[in-house]
Amino acid sequence: MSMPESPAVLGQHLRQLRKEQKLSLAKLSERSDVSVSMLSHIERGQTMPSLRSLNRICQALNIEMSAIFPTSDPEYEDESSEVVRAHGRAELAFKPYGLTKELLSPKRNKSLEFFMVTLEPGGGSGPELLVRQGEKAGMVVQGELSLLIGEKQYVLSEGDSFQFNSSKPHRILNNTDSPIKILWIIRPDSIVGDI
């Protein structure tokens, strides 16, 4: 498995994507509804964005979440359009939220994103409810997950699965003392990404 991407590496990558599109920080701020100051901090590696902010940035750059993951292990790069080897997975760690996302789908796949999400005890998707166009589905592989969709709160155990329209405000939480693992699938209606 490749090393988790640090805030500095993520920031440099986002800066490069922004510059490739010839966008100023002000223009990206306008498109993403993330302040210029916050974008600057993210690009300089001084802070890891929240999942909601990262989702907005990806949407403003018209890229999927998988595009910002670190490069997979070069040993497996020739297979990356169809296969992801266990040792070649890229991951992003959102340490303030106790959440890590491993990219299970090949980076070139644009119609479906497939992740293994790990939530540490007390971890979650952050204080903000997430909203995006598309559909989300998944299965709890380990632990007990609290899933909020709209006004409904669900507690899901190992083997339980879910599927919902992701335009409904939603959030995930680990209210237990053990880590949780979730297979997480996103089918975006447009090219955006969050958890």
N, C-alpha and C. Protein backbone atom coordinates (compact mmCIF):
# COMPACT_ATOMS: atom_id res chain seq x y z
N MET A 1 0.84 -1.17 0.00
CA MET A 1 0.00 0.00 0.00
C MET A 1 0.89 1.24 0.00
N SER A 2 0.50 2.23 -0.78
CA SER A 2 1.30 3.46 -0.80
C SER A 2 1.07 4.25 0.48
N MET A 3 1.99 5.15 0.77
CA MET A 3 1.88 5.95 1.98
C MET A 3 0.73 6.93 1.86
N PRO A 4 0.07 7.28 2.99
CA PRO A 4 -0.97 8.29 2.95
C PRO A 4 -0.41 9.62 2.45
N GLU A 5 -1.23 10.34 1.76
CA GLU A 5 -0.80 11.64 1.25
C GLU A 5 -0.81 12.66 2.38
N SER A 6 0.29 13.39 2.52
CA SER A 6 0.40 14.41 3.56
C SER A 6 -0.32 15.67 3.10
N PRO A 7 -0.67 16.57 4.04
CA PRO A 7 -1.28 17.84 3.63
C PRO A 7 -0.40 18.61 2.64
N ALA A 8 0.93 18.53 2.80
CA ALA A 8 1.83 19.27 1.90
C ALA A 8 1.75 18.71 0.48
N VAL A 9 1.77 17.38 0.35
CA VAL A 9 1.71 16.77 -0.98
C VAL A 9 0.35 17.01 -1.61
N LEU A 10 -0.72 16.87 -0.83
CA LEU A 10 -2.06 17.14 -1.34
C LEU A 10 -2.16 18.59 -1.80
N GLY A 11 -1.65 19.52 -1.00
CA GLY A 11 -1.70 20.94 -1.34
C GLY A 11 -0.97 21.24 -2.64
N GLN A 12 0.22 20.65 -2.80
CA GLN A 12 0.98 20.85 -4.04
C GLN A 12 0.22 20.31 -5.24
N HIS A 13 -0.41 19.16 -5.05
CA HIS A 13 -1.18 18.54 -6.14
C HIS A 13 -2.38 19.41 -6.52
N LEU A 14 -3.09 19.92 -5.52
CA LEU A 14 -4.24 20.79 -5.80
C LEU A 14 -3.79 22.08 -6.49
N ARG A 15 -2.65 22.64 -6.05
CA ARG A 15 -2.12 23.85 -6.68
C ARG A 15 -1.81 23.58 -8.15
N GLN A 16 -1.19 22.43 -8.42
CA GLN A 16 -0.86 22.07 -9.80
C GLN A 16 -2.13 21.94 -10.65
N LEU A 17 -3.15 21.28 -10.12
CA LEU A 17 -4.41 21.13 -10.86
C LEU A 17 -5.06 22.49 -11.12
N ARG A 18 -5.01 23.36 -10.13
CA ARG A 18 -5.59 24.71 -10.29
C ARG A 18 -4.84 25.49 -11.37
N LYS A 19 -3.50 25.43 -11.33
CA LYS A 19 -2.69 26.16 -12.31
C LYS A 19 -2.85 25.60 -13.72
N GLU A 20 -2.99 24.28 -13.83
CA GLU A 20 -3.22 23.67 -15.14
C GLU A 20 -4.51 24.21 -15.78
N GLN A 21 -5.47 24.56 -14.95
CA GLN A 21 -6.73 25.10 -15.44
C GLN A 21 -6.71 26.64 -15.51
N LYS A 22 -5.53 27.19 -15.21
CA LYS A 22 -5.32 28.64 -15.26
C LYS A 22 -6.34 29.40 -14.40
N LEU A 23 -6.54 28.88 -13.19
CA LEU A 23 -7.45 29.51 -12.24
C LEU A 23 -6.66 30.22 -11.15
N SER A 24 -7.07 31.40 -10.80
CA SER A 24 -6.49 32.08 -9.65
C SER A 24 -7.13 31.51 -8.39
N LEU A 25 -6.50 31.79 -7.25
CA LEU A 25 -7.12 31.38 -5.98
C LEU A 25 -8.49 32.03 -5.82
N ALA A 26 -8.60 33.28 -6.24
CA ALA A 26 -9.89 34.00 -6.12
C ALA A 26 -10.96 33.32 -6.97
N LYS A 27 -10.62 32.90 -8.18
CA LYS A 27 -11.60 32.25 -9.06
C LYS A 27 -12.00 30.89 -8.50
N LEU A 28 -11.01 30.13 -8.01
CA LEU A 28 -11.32 28.83 -7.41
C LEU A 28 -12.18 29.03 -6.16
N SER A 29 -11.90 30.07 -5.39
CA SER A 29 -12.70 30.37 -4.21
C SER A 29 -14.15 30.67 -4.60
N GLU A 30 -14.31 31.44 -5.64
CA GLU A 30 -15.65 31.78 -6.12
C GLU A 30 -16.41 30.53 -6.57
N ARG A 31 -15.73 29.66 -7.28
CA ARG A 31 -16.37 28.44 -7.80
C ARG A 31 -16.66 27.41 -6.70
N SER A 32 -15.78 27.35 -5.70
CA SER A 32 -15.88 26.29 -4.69
C SER A 32 -16.58 26.72 -3.40
N ASP A 33 -16.72 28.03 -3.20
CA ASP A 33 -17.26 28.56 -1.95
C ASP A 33 -16.37 28.19 -0.76
N VAL A 34 -15.05 28.09 -1.03
CA VAL A 34 -14.03 27.91 0.00
C VAL A 34 -13.19 29.18 -0.04
N SER A 35 -12.95 29.80 1.11
CA SER A 35 -12.28 31.10 1.14
C SER A 35 -10.88 31.04 0.52
N VAL A 36 -10.43 32.17 0.00
CA VAL A 36 -9.08 32.28 -0.55
C VAL A 36 -8.07 31.93 0.52
N SER A 37 -8.27 32.41 1.73
CA SER A 37 -7.36 32.14 2.84
C SER A 37 -7.25 30.64 3.09
N MET A 38 -8.40 29.95 3.13
CA MET A 38 -8.39 28.50 3.37
C MET A 38 -7.71 27.77 2.21
N LEU A 39 -8.01 28.17 0.97
CA LEU A 39 -7.37 27.55 -0.19
C LEU A 39 -5.86 27.72 -0.13
N SER A 40 -5.42 28.91 0.25
CA SER A 40 -3.99 29.18 0.37
C SER A 40 -3.35 28.28 1.43
N HIS A 41 -4.01 28.13 2.57
CA HIS A 41 -3.50 27.26 3.64
C HIS A 41 -3.42 25.81 3.16
N ILE A 42 -4.44 25.36 2.42
CA ILE A 42 -4.46 23.99 1.91
C ILE A 42 -3.31 23.79 0.92
N GLU A 43 -3.16 24.73 -0.03
CA GLU A 43 -2.12 24.59 -1.04
C GLU A 43 -0.71 24.63 -0.45
N ARG A 44 -0.53 25.35 0.65
CA ARG A 44 0.79 25.42 1.29
C ARG A 44 1.01 24.27 2.29
N GLY A 45 0.03 23.37 2.39
CA GLY A 45 0.17 22.21 3.26
C GLY A 45 0.05 22.53 4.73
N GLN A 46 -0.53 23.68 5.05
CA GLN A 46 -0.68 24.09 6.45
C GLN A 46 -1.91 23.49 7.11
N THR A 47 -2.84 22.99 6.29
CA THR A 47 -4.04 22.37 6.85
C THR A 47 -4.57 21.33 5.88
N MET A 48 -5.22 20.31 6.43
CA MET A 48 -5.90 19.30 5.62
C MET A 48 -7.34 19.77 5.49
N PRO A 49 -7.87 19.86 4.27
CA PRO A 49 -9.25 20.33 4.13
C PRO A 49 -10.25 19.34 4.72
N SER A 50 -11.40 19.85 5.09
CA SER A 50 -12.48 18.96 5.51
C SER A 50 -12.97 18.21 4.27
N LEU A 51 -13.69 17.12 4.48
CA LEU A 51 -14.25 16.38 3.35
C LEU A 51 -15.18 17.26 2.53
N ARG A 52 -15.96 18.08 3.20
CA ARG A 52 -16.88 18.96 2.49
C ARG A 52 -16.12 19.98 1.64
N SER A 53 -15.09 20.59 2.19
CA SER A 53 -14.29 21.56 1.43
C SER A 53 -13.58 20.87 0.26
N LEU A 54 -13.04 19.69 0.50
CA LEU A 54 -12.35 18.98 -0.56
C LEU A 54 -13.34 18.61 -1.67
N ASN A 55 -14.53 18.23 -1.30
CA ASN A 55 -15.58 17.94 -2.28
C ASN A 55 -15.86 19.18 -3.13
N ARG A 56 -15.99 20.32 -2.49
CA ARG A 56 -16.27 21.56 -3.22
C ARG A 56 -15.12 21.95 -4.15
N ILE A 57 -13.89 21.73 -3.70
CA ILE A 57 -12.72 22.04 -4.52
C ILE A 57 -12.68 21.12 -5.74
N CYS A 58 -12.91 19.83 -5.53
CA CYS A 58 -12.93 18.88 -6.65
C CYS A 58 -14.01 19.26 -7.65
N GLN A 59 -15.18 19.60 -7.15
CA GLN A 59 -16.27 19.98 -8.05
C GLN A 59 -15.89 21.24 -8.84
N ALA A 60 -15.30 22.22 -8.18
CA ALA A 60 -14.90 23.46 -8.85
C ALA A 60 -13.83 23.20 -9.91
N LEU A 61 -12.96 22.21 -9.67
CA LEU A 61 -11.92 21.84 -10.64
C LEU A 61 -12.43 20.84 -11.68
N ASN A 62 -13.69 20.40 -11.52
CA ASN A 62 -14.32 19.43 -12.41
C ASN A 62 -13.53 18.13 -12.47
N ILE A 63 -13.15 17.64 -11.30
CA ILE A 63 -12.43 16.38 -11.19
C ILE A 63 -13.12 15.49 -10.16
N GLU A 64 -12.90 14.19 -10.26
CA GLU A 64 -13.43 13.28 -9.26
C GLU A 64 -12.44 13.16 -8.11
N MET A 65 -12.91 12.69 -6.97
CA MET A 65 -12.06 12.56 -5.79
C MET A 65 -10.84 11.69 -6.07
N SER A 66 -11.01 10.64 -6.86
CA SER A 66 -9.89 9.74 -7.11
C SER A 66 -8.72 10.45 -7.80
N ALA A 67 -8.97 11.56 -8.48
CA ALA A 67 -7.90 12.28 -9.19
C ALA A 67 -6.91 12.93 -8.23
N ILE A 68 -7.29 13.13 -6.98
CA ILE A 68 -6.38 13.80 -6.04
C ILE A 68 -5.62 12.82 -5.15
N PHE A 69 -5.89 11.52 -5.31
CA PHE A 69 -5.16 10.54 -4.53
C PHE A 69 -3.72 10.47 -5.03
N PRO A 70 -2.78 10.13 -4.14
CA PRO A 70 -1.39 10.01 -4.58
C PRO A 70 -1.27 8.92 -5.64
N THR A 71 -0.20 8.98 -6.38
CA THR A 71 0.05 7.99 -7.42
C THR A 71 0.19 6.61 -6.80
N SER A 72 -0.37 5.63 -7.49
CA SER A 72 -0.26 4.25 -7.03
C SER A 72 1.18 3.77 -7.13
N ASP A 73 1.46 2.63 -6.53
CA ASP A 73 2.78 2.03 -6.60
C ASP A 73 3.16 1.82 -8.07
N PRO A 74 4.31 2.35 -8.52
CA PRO A 74 4.71 2.25 -9.93
C PRO A 74 4.77 0.80 -10.43
N GLU A 75 5.03 -0.14 -9.54
CA GLU A 75 5.10 -1.55 -9.94
C GLU A 75 3.79 -2.01 -10.59
N TYR A 76 2.67 -1.38 -10.19
CA TYR A 76 1.36 -1.81 -10.68
C TYR A 76 0.74 -0.82 -11.66
N GLU A 77 1.47 0.21 -12.04
CA GLU A 77 0.94 1.29 -12.87
C GLU A 77 0.40 0.79 -14.21
N ASP A 78 1.01 -0.24 -14.80
CA ASP A 78 0.57 -0.72 -16.11
C ASP A 78 -0.81 -1.37 -16.05
N GLU A 79 -1.26 -1.79 -14.88
CA GLU A 79 -2.56 -2.41 -14.72
C GLU A 79 -3.62 -1.42 -14.25
N SER A 80 -3.24 -0.17 -14.00
CA SER A 80 -4.10 0.75 -13.26
C SER A 80 -5.41 1.10 -13.95
N SER A 81 -5.57 0.80 -15.24
CA SER A 81 -6.84 1.11 -15.88
C SER A 81 -7.91 0.08 -15.57
N GLU A 82 -7.50 -1.09 -15.06
CA GLU A 82 -8.48 -2.14 -14.78
C GLU A 82 -8.33 -2.80 -13.42
N VAL A 83 -7.13 -2.78 -12.85
CA VAL A 83 -6.84 -3.54 -11.64
C VAL A 83 -6.13 -2.64 -10.63
N VAL A 84 -6.46 -2.82 -9.36
CA VAL A 84 -5.71 -2.17 -8.28
C VAL A 84 -5.25 -3.28 -7.35
N ARG A 85 -3.94 -3.44 -7.22
CA ARG A 85 -3.36 -4.46 -6.34
C ARG A 85 -3.38 -3.95 -4.90
N ALA A 86 -3.52 -4.86 -3.95
CA ALA A 86 -3.59 -4.48 -2.54
C ALA A 86 -2.40 -3.64 -2.12
N HIS A 87 -1.21 -3.94 -2.64
CA HIS A 87 -0.01 -3.20 -2.26
C HIS A 87 0.15 -1.92 -3.05
N GLY A 88 -0.71 -1.70 -4.05
CA GLY A 88 -0.60 -0.51 -4.88
C GLY A 88 -1.67 0.52 -4.60
N ARG A 89 -2.47 0.32 -3.57
CA ARG A 89 -3.56 1.27 -3.27
C ARG A 89 -3.03 2.62 -2.81
N ALA A 90 -3.70 3.65 -3.27
CA ALA A 90 -3.42 5.00 -2.79
C ALA A 90 -4.40 5.31 -1.66
N GLU A 91 -3.98 6.17 -0.74
CA GLU A 91 -4.90 6.52 0.34
C GLU A 91 -4.74 7.97 0.74
N LEU A 92 -5.82 8.50 1.30
CA LEU A 92 -5.84 9.84 1.89
C LEU A 92 -6.26 9.70 3.34
N ALA A 93 -5.52 10.31 4.25
CA ALA A 93 -5.85 10.27 5.67
C ALA A 93 -6.34 11.64 6.11
N PHE A 94 -7.53 11.68 6.65
CA PHE A 94 -8.11 12.89 7.22
C PHE A 94 -7.99 12.76 8.74
N LYS A 95 -6.77 12.99 9.23
CA LYS A 95 -6.45 12.73 10.64
C LYS A 95 -7.34 13.47 11.63
N PRO A 96 -7.69 14.75 11.39
CA PRO A 96 -8.55 15.42 12.36
C PRO A 96 -9.92 14.75 12.54
N TYR A 97 -10.32 13.97 11.53
CA TYR A 97 -11.62 13.31 11.58
C TYR A 97 -11.51 11.81 11.87
N GLY A 98 -10.28 11.31 12.04
CA GLY A 98 -10.10 9.88 12.29
C GLY A 98 -10.60 9.03 11.14
N LEU A 99 -10.42 9.52 9.91
CA LEU A 99 -10.94 8.85 8.74
C LEU A 99 -9.83 8.68 7.69
N THR A 100 -9.75 7.49 7.12
CA THR A 100 -8.81 7.20 6.04
C THR A 100 -9.59 6.58 4.89
N LYS A 101 -9.29 7.05 3.67
CA LYS A 101 -9.93 6.49 2.47
C LYS A 101 -8.85 5.84 1.62
N GLU A 102 -9.03 4.56 1.30
CA GLU A 102 -8.16 3.86 0.37
C GLU A 102 -8.90 3.76 -0.96
N LEU A 103 -8.23 4.12 -2.04
CA LEU A 103 -8.84 4.06 -3.36
C LEU A 103 -8.75 2.63 -3.88
N LEU A 104 -9.91 2.00 -4.07
CA LEU A 104 -9.97 0.63 -4.57
C LEU A 104 -10.22 0.58 -6.07
N SER A 105 -10.82 1.61 -6.63
CA SER A 105 -11.08 1.63 -8.06
C SER A 105 -9.88 2.20 -8.81
N PRO A 106 -9.69 1.76 -10.05
CA PRO A 106 -8.61 2.34 -10.85
C PRO A 106 -8.85 3.83 -11.03
N LYS A 107 -7.78 4.60 -11.04
CA LYS A 107 -7.89 6.06 -11.13
C LYS A 107 -8.56 6.52 -12.42
N ARG A 108 -8.48 5.75 -13.47
CA ARG A 108 -9.05 6.18 -14.74
C ARG A 108 -10.54 5.92 -14.83
N ASN A 109 -11.12 5.26 -13.85
CA ASN A 109 -12.55 4.98 -13.87
C ASN A 109 -13.30 6.26 -13.52
N LYS A 110 -14.16 6.74 -14.40
CA LYS A 110 -14.86 8.00 -14.17
C LYS A 110 -16.32 7.81 -13.76
N SER A 111 -16.89 6.64 -13.97
CA SER A 111 -18.31 6.46 -13.70
C SER A 111 -18.60 5.89 -12.32
N LEU A 112 -17.58 5.41 -11.65
CA LEU A 112 -17.78 4.78 -10.35
C LEU A 112 -16.52 4.96 -9.52
N GLU A 113 -16.69 5.30 -8.26
CA GLU A 113 -15.56 5.38 -7.34
C GLU A 113 -15.79 4.38 -6.22
N PHE A 114 -14.75 3.64 -5.88
CA PHE A 114 -14.83 2.53 -4.95
C PHE A 114 -13.73 2.71 -3.91
N PHE A 115 -14.10 2.77 -2.63
CA PHE A 115 -13.16 3.04 -1.55
C PHE A 115 -13.31 2.04 -0.42
N MET A 116 -12.24 1.89 0.39
CA MET A 116 -12.33 1.28 1.70
C MET A 116 -12.16 2.44 2.67
N VAL A 117 -13.17 2.69 3.47
CA VAL A 117 -13.14 3.77 4.45
C VAL A 117 -12.90 3.17 5.82
N THR A 118 -11.92 3.70 6.53
CA THR A 118 -11.65 3.27 7.90
C THR A 118 -11.93 4.44 8.83
N LEU A 119 -12.75 4.21 9.84
CA LEU A 119 -13.04 5.21 10.86
C LEU A 119 -12.47 4.74 12.18
N GLU A 120 -11.60 5.55 12.76
CA GLU A 120 -11.06 5.26 14.08
C GLU A 120 -12.15 5.52 15.13
N PRO A 121 -12.00 5.00 16.36
CA PRO A 121 -12.98 5.30 17.40
C PRO A 121 -13.19 6.81 17.54
N GLY A 122 -14.44 7.22 17.53
CA GLY A 122 -14.78 8.65 17.62
C GLY A 122 -14.68 9.38 16.29
N GLY A 123 -14.22 8.70 15.23
CA GLY A 123 -14.04 9.34 13.93
C GLY A 123 -15.35 9.48 13.17
N GLY A 124 -15.28 10.27 12.11
CA GLY A 124 -16.46 10.46 11.27
C GLY A 124 -16.13 11.31 10.07
N SER A 125 -17.17 11.67 9.35
CA SER A 125 -17.00 12.47 8.13
C SER A 125 -16.90 13.95 8.41
N GLY A 126 -16.91 14.34 9.67
CA GLY A 126 -16.77 15.74 10.04
C GLY A 126 -18.09 16.33 10.52
N PRO A 127 -18.04 17.55 11.03
CA PRO A 127 -19.23 18.16 11.63
C PRO A 127 -20.27 18.59 10.60
N GLU A 128 -19.84 18.80 9.35
CA GLU A 128 -20.77 19.27 8.33
C GLU A 128 -21.45 18.10 7.64
N LEU A 129 -22.73 18.28 7.33
CA LEU A 129 -23.43 17.26 6.54
C LEU A 129 -22.94 17.35 5.10
N LEU A 130 -22.78 16.20 4.46
CA LEU A 130 -22.31 16.15 3.09
C LEU A 130 -23.49 16.04 2.14
N VAL A 131 -23.38 16.70 0.99
CA VAL A 131 -24.42 16.67 -0.03
C VAL A 131 -23.73 16.68 -1.38
N ARG A 132 -24.18 15.86 -2.31
CA ARG A 132 -23.66 15.86 -3.67
C ARG A 132 -24.68 15.19 -4.58
N GLN A 133 -24.57 15.41 -5.85
CA GLN A 133 -25.43 14.73 -6.81
C GLN A 133 -24.89 13.34 -7.04
N GLY A 134 -25.77 12.35 -7.13
CA GLY A 134 -25.34 11.00 -7.39
C GLY A 134 -25.93 10.02 -6.40
N GLU A 135 -25.26 8.91 -6.25
CA GLU A 135 -25.73 7.85 -5.39
C GLU A 135 -24.56 7.25 -4.64
N LYS A 136 -24.82 6.82 -3.42
CA LYS A 136 -23.79 6.19 -2.60
C LYS A 136 -24.33 4.85 -2.11
N ALA A 137 -23.41 3.90 -1.96
CA ALA A 137 -23.77 2.59 -1.46
C ALA A 137 -22.56 2.02 -0.73
N GLY A 138 -22.80 1.03 0.09
CA GLY A 138 -21.69 0.42 0.78
C GLY A 138 -22.11 -0.72 1.67
N MET A 139 -21.10 -1.29 2.33
CA MET A 139 -21.33 -2.38 3.27
C MET A 139 -20.33 -2.25 4.41
N VAL A 140 -20.82 -2.46 5.62
CA VAL A 140 -19.95 -2.44 6.80
C VAL A 140 -19.20 -3.77 6.83
N VAL A 141 -17.88 -3.70 6.76
CA VAL A 141 -17.03 -4.88 6.75
C VAL A 141 -16.61 -5.24 8.18
N GLN A 142 -16.42 -4.21 9.01
CA GLN A 142 -15.97 -4.42 10.39
C GLN A 142 -16.54 -3.32 11.25
N GLY A 143 -17.08 -3.66 12.40
CA GLY A 143 -17.52 -2.67 13.37
C GLY A 143 -18.99 -2.31 13.26
N GLU A 144 -19.34 -1.20 13.90
CA GLU A 144 -20.72 -0.72 13.97
C GLU A 144 -20.75 0.75 13.57
N LEU A 145 -21.44 1.07 12.50
CA LEU A 145 -21.46 2.39 11.90
C LEU A 145 -22.75 3.13 12.21
N SER A 146 -22.64 4.41 12.58
CA SER A 146 -23.80 5.29 12.68
C SER A 146 -23.87 6.08 11.38
N LEU A 147 -25.00 5.97 10.68
CA LEU A 147 -25.21 6.61 9.39
C LEU A 147 -26.43 7.51 9.49
N LEU A 148 -26.23 8.80 9.24
CA LEU A 148 -27.32 9.77 9.22
C LEU A 148 -27.63 10.09 7.77
N ILE A 149 -28.88 9.89 7.36
CA ILE A 149 -29.34 10.25 6.02
C ILE A 149 -30.60 11.08 6.20
N GLY A 150 -30.52 12.36 5.85
CA GLY A 150 -31.66 13.24 6.08
C GLY A 150 -31.95 13.30 7.57
N GLU A 151 -33.17 13.00 7.95
CA GLU A 151 -33.57 13.01 9.36
C GLU A 151 -33.44 11.64 10.03
N LYS A 152 -33.06 10.62 9.26
CA LYS A 152 -33.01 9.25 9.79
C LYS A 152 -31.61 8.88 10.24
N GLN A 153 -31.52 8.25 11.41
CA GLN A 153 -30.26 7.75 11.96
C GLN A 153 -30.32 6.23 11.94
N TYR A 154 -29.31 5.60 11.36
CA TYR A 154 -29.22 4.15 11.30
C TYR A 154 -27.96 3.69 12.03
N VAL A 155 -28.05 2.54 12.68
CA VAL A 155 -26.87 1.89 13.25
C VAL A 155 -26.72 0.59 12.48
N LEU A 156 -25.59 0.47 11.77
CA LEU A 156 -25.33 -0.67 10.90
C LEU A 156 -24.19 -1.51 11.46
N SER A 157 -24.38 -2.83 11.45
CA SER A 157 -23.37 -3.77 11.95
C SER A 157 -22.69 -4.47 10.78
N GLU A 158 -21.66 -5.26 11.10
CA GLU A 158 -20.92 -6.00 10.07
C GLU A 158 -21.89 -6.75 9.18
N GLY A 159 -21.69 -6.61 7.87
CA GLY A 159 -22.53 -7.29 6.89
C GLY A 159 -23.73 -6.47 6.44
N ASP A 160 -24.12 -5.44 7.21
CA ASP A 160 -25.24 -4.58 6.80
C ASP A 160 -24.78 -3.70 5.64
N SER A 161 -25.71 -3.40 4.74
CA SER A 161 -25.38 -2.56 3.59
C SER A 161 -26.37 -1.42 3.47
N PHE A 162 -26.04 -0.47 2.62
CA PHE A 162 -26.88 0.72 2.44
C PHE A 162 -26.74 1.23 1.01
N GLN A 163 -27.73 2.01 0.59
CA GLN A 163 -27.70 2.70 -0.70
C GLN A 163 -28.68 3.86 -0.60
N PHE A 164 -28.22 5.06 -1.04
CA PHE A 164 -29.10 6.23 -0.94
C PHE A 164 -28.71 7.29 -1.96
N ASN A 165 -29.66 8.18 -2.22
CA ASN A 165 -29.42 9.33 -3.08
C ASN A 165 -28.57 10.31 -2.28
N SER A 166 -27.38 10.60 -2.78
CA SER A 166 -26.45 11.41 -1.99
C SER A 166 -26.75 12.90 -2.01
N SER A 167 -27.85 13.30 -2.66
CA SER A 167 -28.27 14.70 -2.55
C SER A 167 -28.96 14.94 -1.20
N LYS A 168 -29.29 13.86 -0.48
CA LYS A 168 -29.81 13.99 0.88
C LYS A 168 -28.63 14.27 1.81
N PRO A 169 -28.74 15.24 2.70
CA PRO A 169 -27.64 15.50 3.65
C PRO A 169 -27.33 14.24 4.44
N HIS A 170 -26.04 13.95 4.60
CA HIS A 170 -25.65 12.71 5.27
C HIS A 170 -24.31 12.87 5.97
N ARG A 171 -24.08 11.93 6.89
CA ARG A 171 -22.84 11.94 7.68
C ARG A 171 -22.64 10.53 8.24
N ILE A 172 -21.37 10.15 8.48
CA ILE A 172 -21.07 8.88 9.13
C ILE A 172 -20.27 9.13 10.39
N LEU A 173 -20.46 8.26 11.38
CA LEU A 173 -19.78 8.38 12.67
C LEU A 173 -19.42 7.02 13.23
N ASN A 174 -18.33 6.97 13.97
CA ASN A 174 -17.97 5.79 14.73
C ASN A 174 -18.12 6.15 16.20
N ASN A 175 -19.22 5.69 16.80
CA ASN A 175 -19.50 5.98 18.20
C ASN A 175 -19.02 4.85 19.11
N THR A 176 -18.13 3.99 18.60
CA THR A 176 -17.68 2.84 19.37
C THR A 176 -16.20 3.00 19.75
N ASP A 177 -15.68 2.01 20.46
CA ASP A 177 -14.28 2.01 20.88
C ASP A 177 -13.38 1.20 19.93
N SER A 178 -13.93 0.74 18.81
CA SER A 178 -13.18 -0.08 17.85
C SER A 178 -13.23 0.54 16.47
N PRO A 179 -12.20 0.32 15.65
CA PRO A 179 -12.21 0.83 14.29
C PRO A 179 -13.34 0.21 13.45
N ILE A 180 -13.77 0.95 12.45
CA ILE A 180 -14.80 0.49 11.51
C ILE A 180 -14.18 0.49 10.12
N LYS A 181 -14.53 -0.52 9.32
CA LYS A 181 -14.15 -0.56 7.90
C LYS A 181 -15.43 -0.67 7.08
N ILE A 182 -15.50 0.16 6.03
CA ILE A 182 -16.69 0.20 5.18
C ILE A 182 -16.25 0.16 3.72
N LEU A 183 -16.83 -0.74 2.93
CA LEU A 183 -16.68 -0.66 1.48
C LEU A 183 -17.64 0.43 1.03
N TRP A 184 -17.14 1.41 0.29
CA TRP A 184 -17.91 2.61 -0.03
C TRP A 184 -17.88 2.82 -1.54
N ILE A 185 -19.04 2.95 -2.14
CA ILE A 185 -19.15 3.11 -3.59
C ILE A 185 -19.90 4.40 -3.89
N ILE A 186 -19.36 5.18 -4.81
CA ILE A 186 -19.99 6.44 -5.21
C ILE A 186 -20.21 6.41 -6.72
N ARG A 187 -21.44 6.70 -7.13
CA ARG A 187 -21.74 6.92 -8.54
C ARG A 187 -22.17 8.37 -8.67
N PRO A 188 -21.26 9.22 -9.12
CA PRO A 188 -21.61 10.63 -9.23
C PRO A 188 -22.47 10.90 -10.46
N ASP A 189 -23.39 11.88 -10.33
CA ASP A 189 -24.12 12.35 -11.51
C ASP A 189 -23.26 13.34 -12.28
N SER A 190 -22.38 14.02 -11.54
CA SER A 190 -21.41 14.89 -12.16
C SER A 190 -20.07 14.54 -11.53
N ILE A 191 -19.00 15.09 -12.04
CA ILE A 191 -17.68 14.71 -11.55
C ILE A 191 -17.35 15.50 -10.30
N VAL A 192 -17.70 14.95 -9.15
CA VAL A 192 -17.37 15.52 -7.86
C VAL A 192 -17.04 14.39 -6.92
N GLY A 193 -16.52 14.69 -5.73
CA GLY A 193 -16.22 13.63 -4.79
C GLY A 193 -16.22 14.09 -3.35
N ASP A 194 -16.69 13.27 -2.52
CA ASP A 194 -16.55 13.42 -1.07
C ASP A 194 -16.54 12.03 -0.50
N ILE A 195 -16.89 11.87 0.73
CA ILE A 195 -16.84 10.53 1.29
C ILE A 195 -18.01 9.69 0.81
